[in-house]
Amino acid sequence: MSTPAPEAAPDTTRIHNIGYRSYDGPRLGRSYARRSLFSQSLRGAYGLGRSAKSKVLPMLLFGVMCAPALIIVAISVYTKADELFVEYTQYAVLLQLVIAVYLASQAPQSVSRDLRFRTVPLYFSRPIERVDYVLAKYGAMASALFILTASPLLILWIGSMLAKMDFVEQAKLFGQGLVSVAVLSVLFSGVGLVMAALTPRRGFGVAAVIAVLTITYGAVSTLQGISYATENTGAVPWLGLFSPLTLVIGLQNAFLGAPASFPGEVPVGAGAGVVYLVVILGLIAACYGILMARYRKVGL
């Protein structure tokens, strides 16, 4: 007796022709990419969107920057003072060390990692270009530094209103302080990013930023002190052209009504103030040009 042949298994083979579908959504282009890079870099300057450890130093420095302003406001309100104990234009100068440490810690974070891990060419693949990258990084660092330096001035102004000081006068002084820290933020950010972009190693970038800001200020202040002690007071304002911080000090003394804070309280006249302004603008343009040249090389 013959056995029946087994039934053939049903054919379950399927051909799925998924293919590729073209993207029909909006193409946001370079401007969106530039804004996204700016936003990401600005958030990163305060550790937002990063690990908890990355938030500690920038937030701590922000608190240190604002703490003296809160103390000044508390004393002014309690004593019903007629004016604040610190000029708006002098606040950033007095806390220059905090600003230098913040810039030295965050400028390398903004650019050194991209250089170290060679991700810059990925940014330039498309649609973003070299100028977009430089503008986004420069703008983000300047904005972060402006937030750091302008926030305590806002606290001082609010405190002056609580102490019932003259509104018009305090608003004018507050505006002068904002202009001063805006210039400082743009100038310092350019210097900091240039120093940080020269090396992919963050430690070297931190040391370079601190060295440039502190050594130049110390050297200029020393030379100004020697000039004043030897009765060569005419050289004091011109020596201020060789340090980023003294450039800001001289500019605000010449045009923003800030008290003279050079040795011997030697003032900066209007003529020298114009030179200060030209040098500041030239230095900002030079920093931008150096960054553009730097990323022309590393973007290949």
Protein backbone atom coordinates (compact mmCIF):
# COMPACT_ATOMS: atom_id res chain seq x y z
CA MET A 1 0.00 0.00 0.00
CA SER A 2 1.51 3.31 -1.06
CA THR A 3 1.66 6.28 1.32
CA PRO A 4 0.24 9.60 0.14
CA ALA A 5 2.72 12.29 -0.76
CA PRO A 6 2.95 15.09 1.85
CA GLU A 7 1.19 18.29 0.99
CA ALA A 8 3.42 21.14 -0.06
CA ALA A 9 3.86 23.86 2.55
CA PRO A 10 2.05 27.07 1.72
CA ASP A 11 4.22 29.72 0.12
CA THR A 12 4.68 32.52 2.70
CA THR A 13 7.32 34.46 0.81
CA ARG A 14 6.56 38.16 0.49
CA ILE A 15 8.41 40.88 -1.34
CA HIS A 16 8.14 44.23 0.43
CA ASN A 17 8.98 47.04 -1.92
CA ILE A 18 9.59 49.77 0.65
CA GLY A 19 11.75 51.93 -1.57
CA TYR A 20 12.77 55.49 -0.72
CA ARG A 21 10.36 58.34 -0.30
CA SER A 22 11.38 61.89 -0.98
CA TYR A 23 11.11 64.48 1.80
CA ASP A 24 8.20 66.81 1.15
CA GLY A 25 8.40 68.85 4.36
CA PRO A 26 9.76 72.38 4.79
CA ARG A 27 13.45 72.93 4.18
CA LEU A 28 14.54 75.32 6.90
CA GLY A 29 17.95 76.11 5.43
CA ARG A 30 20.99 77.95 6.76
CA SER A 31 19.20 80.47 8.96
CA TYR A 32 17.49 77.75 10.98
CA ALA A 33 20.74 75.80 11.33
CA ARG A 34 22.56 78.96 12.44
CA ARG A 35 19.88 79.77 15.02
CA SER A 36 19.93 76.19 16.30
CA LEU A 37 23.71 76.26 16.70
CA PHE A 38 23.49 79.63 18.47
CA SER A 39 20.81 78.36 20.84
CA GLN A 40 22.65 75.13 21.57
CA SER A 41 25.92 76.98 22.22
CA LEU A 42 24.24 79.56 24.48
CA ARG A 43 22.53 76.85 26.51
CA GLY A 44 25.78 74.92 26.73
CA ALA A 45 27.55 77.97 28.16
CA TYR A 46 25.43 77.53 31.29
CA GLY A 47 25.40 73.73 31.23
CA LEU A 48 21.80 73.48 30.06
CA GLY A 49 21.16 70.30 28.11
CA ARG A 50 24.37 68.80 29.48
CA SER A 51 25.26 66.72 32.52
CA ALA A 52 24.69 67.97 36.06
CA LYS A 53 28.45 68.28 36.55
CA SER A 54 28.65 70.68 33.61
CA LYS A 55 26.14 73.01 35.25
CA VAL A 56 28.04 73.42 38.53
CA LEU A 57 30.80 75.87 37.54
CA PRO A 58 28.82 78.28 35.29
CA MET A 59 25.91 78.44 37.73
CA LEU A 60 28.28 78.90 40.66
CA LEU A 61 30.08 81.75 38.89
CA PHE A 62 26.73 83.32 38.00
CA GLY A 63 25.78 83.21 41.67
CA VAL A 64 29.12 84.70 42.71
CA MET A 65 28.64 87.45 40.15
CA CYS A 66 25.20 88.38 41.48
CA ALA A 67 25.85 87.96 45.21
CA PRO A 68 27.62 91.34 45.77
CA ALA A 69 24.79 93.11 43.94
CA LEU A 70 22.23 91.53 46.27
CA ILE A 71 24.27 92.60 49.30
CA ILE A 72 24.59 96.17 47.98
CA VAL A 73 20.85 96.31 47.36
CA ALA A 74 20.05 94.99 50.84
CA ILE A 75 22.31 97.60 52.48
CA SER A 76 20.96 100.41 50.29
CA VAL A 77 17.34 99.57 51.08
CA TYR A 78 18.02 99.13 54.80
CA THR A 79 19.95 102.41 55.14
CA LYS A 80 17.67 104.28 52.70
CA ALA A 81 20.72 105.47 50.79
CA ASP A 82 20.42 108.17 48.13
CA GLU A 83 22.75 106.36 45.74
CA LEU A 84 24.30 102.93 45.28
CA PHE A 85 27.67 102.20 46.80
CA VAL A 86 29.07 100.92 43.47
CA GLU A 87 28.81 102.53 40.04
CA TYR A 88 27.06 100.45 37.36
CA THR A 89 30.06 100.88 35.07
CA GLN A 90 32.49 99.76 37.78
CA TYR A 91 30.78 96.55 38.83
CA ALA A 92 32.23 94.36 36.06
CA VAL A 93 35.68 95.85 36.61
CA LEU A 94 35.58 94.94 40.30
CA LEU A 95 34.55 91.37 39.49
CA GLN A 96 36.89 90.94 36.54
CA LEU A 97 38.36 87.74 37.99
CA VAL A 98 34.96 86.03 37.98
CA ILE A 99 34.43 87.08 34.36
CA ALA A 100 37.85 85.79 33.35
CA VAL A 101 37.28 82.42 35.02
CA TYR A 102 33.86 82.08 33.38
CA LEU A 103 35.22 82.93 29.94
CA ALA A 104 38.22 80.64 30.39
CA SER A 105 35.96 77.73 31.33
CA GLN A 106 33.25 78.18 28.71
CA ALA A 107 35.07 79.42 25.59
CA PRO A 108 37.05 76.15 25.23
CA GLN A 109 33.87 74.20 25.93
CA SER A 110 32.21 75.97 23.04
CA VAL A 111 34.85 75.33 20.38
CA SER A 112 37.60 72.98 21.60
CA ARG A 113 35.46 69.84 21.63
CA ASP A 114 34.48 70.31 17.99
CA LEU A 115 38.15 70.64 17.10
CA ARG A 116 39.27 67.74 19.27
CA PHE A 117 36.69 65.26 17.95
CA ARG A 118 36.91 66.62 14.37
CA THR A 119 33.21 67.34 14.06
CA VAL A 120 33.66 70.74 12.40
CA PRO A 121 33.60 69.27 8.83
CA LEU A 122 30.24 67.67 9.67
CA TYR A 123 28.81 71.11 10.42
CA PHE A 124 30.07 72.38 7.08
CA SER A 125 28.74 69.46 5.04
CA ARG A 126 25.46 71.32 4.51
CA PRO A 127 23.56 73.57 4.82
CA ILE A 128 25.66 75.52 7.34
CA GLU A 129 28.80 77.34 6.18
CA ARG A 130 31.91 78.63 7.87
CA VAL A 131 30.57 82.14 8.42
CA ASP A 132 27.41 80.72 10.03
CA TYR A 133 29.44 78.62 12.46
CA VAL A 134 31.68 81.53 13.49
CA LEU A 135 28.77 83.96 13.89
CA ALA A 136 26.74 81.46 15.92
CA LYS A 137 29.62 80.62 18.27
CA TYR A 138 30.71 84.25 18.62
CA GLY A 139 27.17 85.47 19.20
CA ALA A 140 26.41 82.75 21.73
CA MET A 141 29.56 83.40 23.76
CA ALA A 142 28.97 87.16 23.74
CA SER A 143 25.34 86.65 24.77
CA ALA A 144 26.31 84.30 27.59
CA LEU A 145 28.88 86.79 28.86
CA PHE A 146 26.36 89.63 28.59
CA ILE A 147 23.87 87.66 30.69
CA LEU A 148 26.58 87.10 33.28
CA THR A 149 27.57 90.77 33.48
CA ALA A 150 24.19 92.45 32.95
CA SER A 151 22.20 90.40 35.47
CA PRO A 152 23.83 91.99 38.55
CA LEU A 153 23.32 95.44 37.02
CA LEU A 154 19.62 94.63 36.69
CA ILE A 155 19.59 93.61 40.36
CA LEU A 156 21.23 96.93 41.28
CA TRP A 157 18.68 98.91 39.27
CA ILE A 158 15.72 97.07 40.79
CA GLY A 159 17.27 97.63 44.20
CA SER A 160 17.63 101.35 43.51
CA MET A 161 13.91 101.48 42.75
CA LEU A 162 13.12 99.64 45.99
CA ALA A 163 15.27 102.19 47.83
CA LYS A 164 13.25 104.95 46.13
CA MET A 165 16.22 106.56 44.41
CA ASP A 166 15.74 108.99 41.52
CA PHE A 167 14.28 106.99 38.63
CA VAL A 168 15.62 109.10 35.76
CA GLU A 169 19.17 109.22 37.12
CA GLN A 170 19.27 105.51 37.92
CA ALA A 171 17.83 104.58 34.52
CA LYS A 172 20.53 106.66 32.82
CA LEU A 173 23.31 105.08 34.89
CA PHE A 174 21.84 101.62 34.31
CA GLY A 175 21.82 102.22 30.55
CA GLN A 176 25.45 103.33 30.64
CA GLY A 177 26.33 100.18 32.56
CA LEU A 178 24.57 98.00 29.98
CA VAL A 179 26.49 99.64 27.14
CA SER A 180 29.73 99.07 29.03
CA VAL A 181 29.14 95.36 29.66
CA ALA A 182 27.89 94.89 26.10
CA VAL A 183 31.20 96.18 24.75
CA LEU A 184 33.08 94.07 27.30
CA SER A 185 31.11 90.95 26.34
CA VAL A 186 31.77 91.26 22.61
CA LEU A 187 35.46 92.11 23.07
CA PHE A 188 36.21 89.46 25.69
CA SER A 189 34.28 86.79 23.78
CA GLY A 190 36.33 87.40 20.65
CA VAL A 191 39.61 87.18 22.57
CA GLY A 192 38.47 84.08 24.46
CA LEU A 193 37.26 82.20 21.39
CA VAL A 194 40.43 82.98 19.45
CA MET A 195 42.58 81.61 22.26
CA ALA A 196 40.38 78.54 22.65
CA ALA A 197 40.20 77.84 18.92
CA LEU A 198 43.99 77.70 18.56
CA THR A 199 44.16 74.33 20.30
CA PRO A 200 41.85 71.30 20.48
CA ARG A 201 42.90 70.65 24.09
CA ARG A 202 40.60 72.31 26.57
CA GLY A 203 43.22 72.66 29.30
CA PHE A 204 45.53 74.63 27.04
CA GLY A 205 42.60 76.82 25.99
CA VAL A 206 41.69 77.59 29.60
CA ALA A 207 45.28 78.55 30.42
CA ALA A 208 45.60 80.69 27.28
CA VAL A 209 42.43 82.69 27.98
CA ILE A 210 43.36 83.38 31.61
CA ALA A 211 46.92 84.29 30.63
CA VAL A 212 45.87 86.79 27.98
CA LEU A 213 43.33 88.54 30.20
CA THR A 214 45.33 88.62 33.43
CA ILE A 215 48.90 89.08 32.19
CA THR A 216 48.02 91.96 29.86
CA TYR A 217 45.99 93.71 32.56
CA GLY A 218 48.71 93.22 35.16
CA ALA A 219 51.44 94.44 32.82
CA VAL A 220 49.49 97.51 31.72
CA SER A 221 48.49 98.40 35.29
CA THR A 222 52.12 98.09 36.41
CA LEU A 223 53.38 100.30 33.60
CA GLN A 224 50.65 102.85 34.31
CA GLY A 225 51.63 102.90 37.97
CA ILE A 226 55.28 103.46 37.06
CA SER A 227 54.35 106.24 34.65
CA TYR A 228 52.27 107.99 37.29
CA ALA A 229 54.96 107.58 39.95
CA THR A 230 57.55 109.11 37.63
CA GLU A 231 55.18 112.02 36.89
CA ASN A 232 54.70 110.90 33.29
CA THR A 233 50.91 111.09 33.59
CA GLY A 234 50.41 111.75 29.88
CA ALA A 235 51.37 108.15 29.08
CA VAL A 236 48.87 106.62 31.51
CA PRO A 237 45.79 106.77 29.19
CA TRP A 238 47.74 105.55 26.14
CA LEU A 239 49.12 102.53 27.97
CA GLY A 240 45.53 101.42 28.50
CA LEU A 241 45.31 100.56 24.80
CA PHE A 242 47.26 97.34 25.35
CA SER A 243 44.86 95.34 27.51
CA PRO A 244 41.25 94.27 26.81
CA LEU A 245 40.02 95.29 30.26
CA THR A 246 41.77 98.67 30.30
CA LEU A 247 40.32 99.33 26.85
CA VAL A 248 36.83 98.98 28.31
CA ILE A 249 37.78 101.06 31.36
CA GLY A 250 39.13 103.87 29.19
CA LEU A 251 36.13 103.82 26.84
CA GLN A 252 33.57 104.06 29.62
CA ASN A 253 35.58 106.81 31.31
CA ALA A 254 35.67 108.82 28.10
CA PHE A 255 32.06 108.39 26.93
CA LEU A 256 29.92 106.73 29.62
CA GLY A 257 30.56 108.97 32.61
CA ALA A 258 32.46 106.33 34.57
CA PRO A 259 34.94 107.63 37.14
CA ALA A 260 38.60 107.51 36.17
CA SER A 261 40.08 104.32 37.63
CA PHE A 262 43.58 104.45 36.19
CA PRO A 263 46.47 105.13 38.64
CA GLY A 264 46.18 108.64 40.02
CA GLU A 265 42.65 108.84 38.62
CA VAL A 266 44.06 110.15 35.35
CA PRO A 267 41.07 110.72 33.04
CA VAL A 268 40.76 109.63 29.42
CA GLY A 269 39.91 112.61 27.22
CA ALA A 270 37.54 112.58 24.28
CA GLY A 271 40.39 112.41 21.76
CA ALA A 272 41.94 109.39 23.45
CA GLY A 273 38.44 107.93 23.84
CA VAL A 274 38.01 107.92 20.05
CA VAL A 275 41.29 106.02 19.76
CA TYR A 276 40.04 103.55 22.37
CA LEU A 277 36.86 103.01 20.37
CA VAL A 278 38.78 102.46 17.13
CA VAL A 279 41.13 99.98 18.79
CA ILE A 280 38.22 98.07 20.32
CA LEU A 281 36.41 97.83 16.99
CA GLY A 282 39.64 96.83 15.26
CA LEU A 283 40.34 94.14 17.85
CA ILE A 284 36.82 92.73 17.50
CA ALA A 285 37.18 92.65 13.72
CA ALA A 286 40.61 91.01 14.06
CA CYS A 287 39.20 88.29 16.33
CA TYR A 288 36.43 87.60 13.83
CA GLY A 289 38.91 87.45 10.96
CA ILE A 290 41.22 85.09 12.87
CA LEU A 291 38.29 82.78 13.65
CA MET A 292 37.25 82.77 10.00
CA ALA A 293 40.79 81.92 8.93
CA ARG A 294 41.05 79.21 11.59
CA TYR A 295 37.86 77.48 10.49
CA ARG A 296 38.82 77.72 6.84
CA LYS A 297 41.64 75.32 7.71
CA VAL A 298 39.93 72.94 10.13
CA GLY A 299 36.73 72.80 8.10
CA LEU A 300 38.39 70.96 5.22
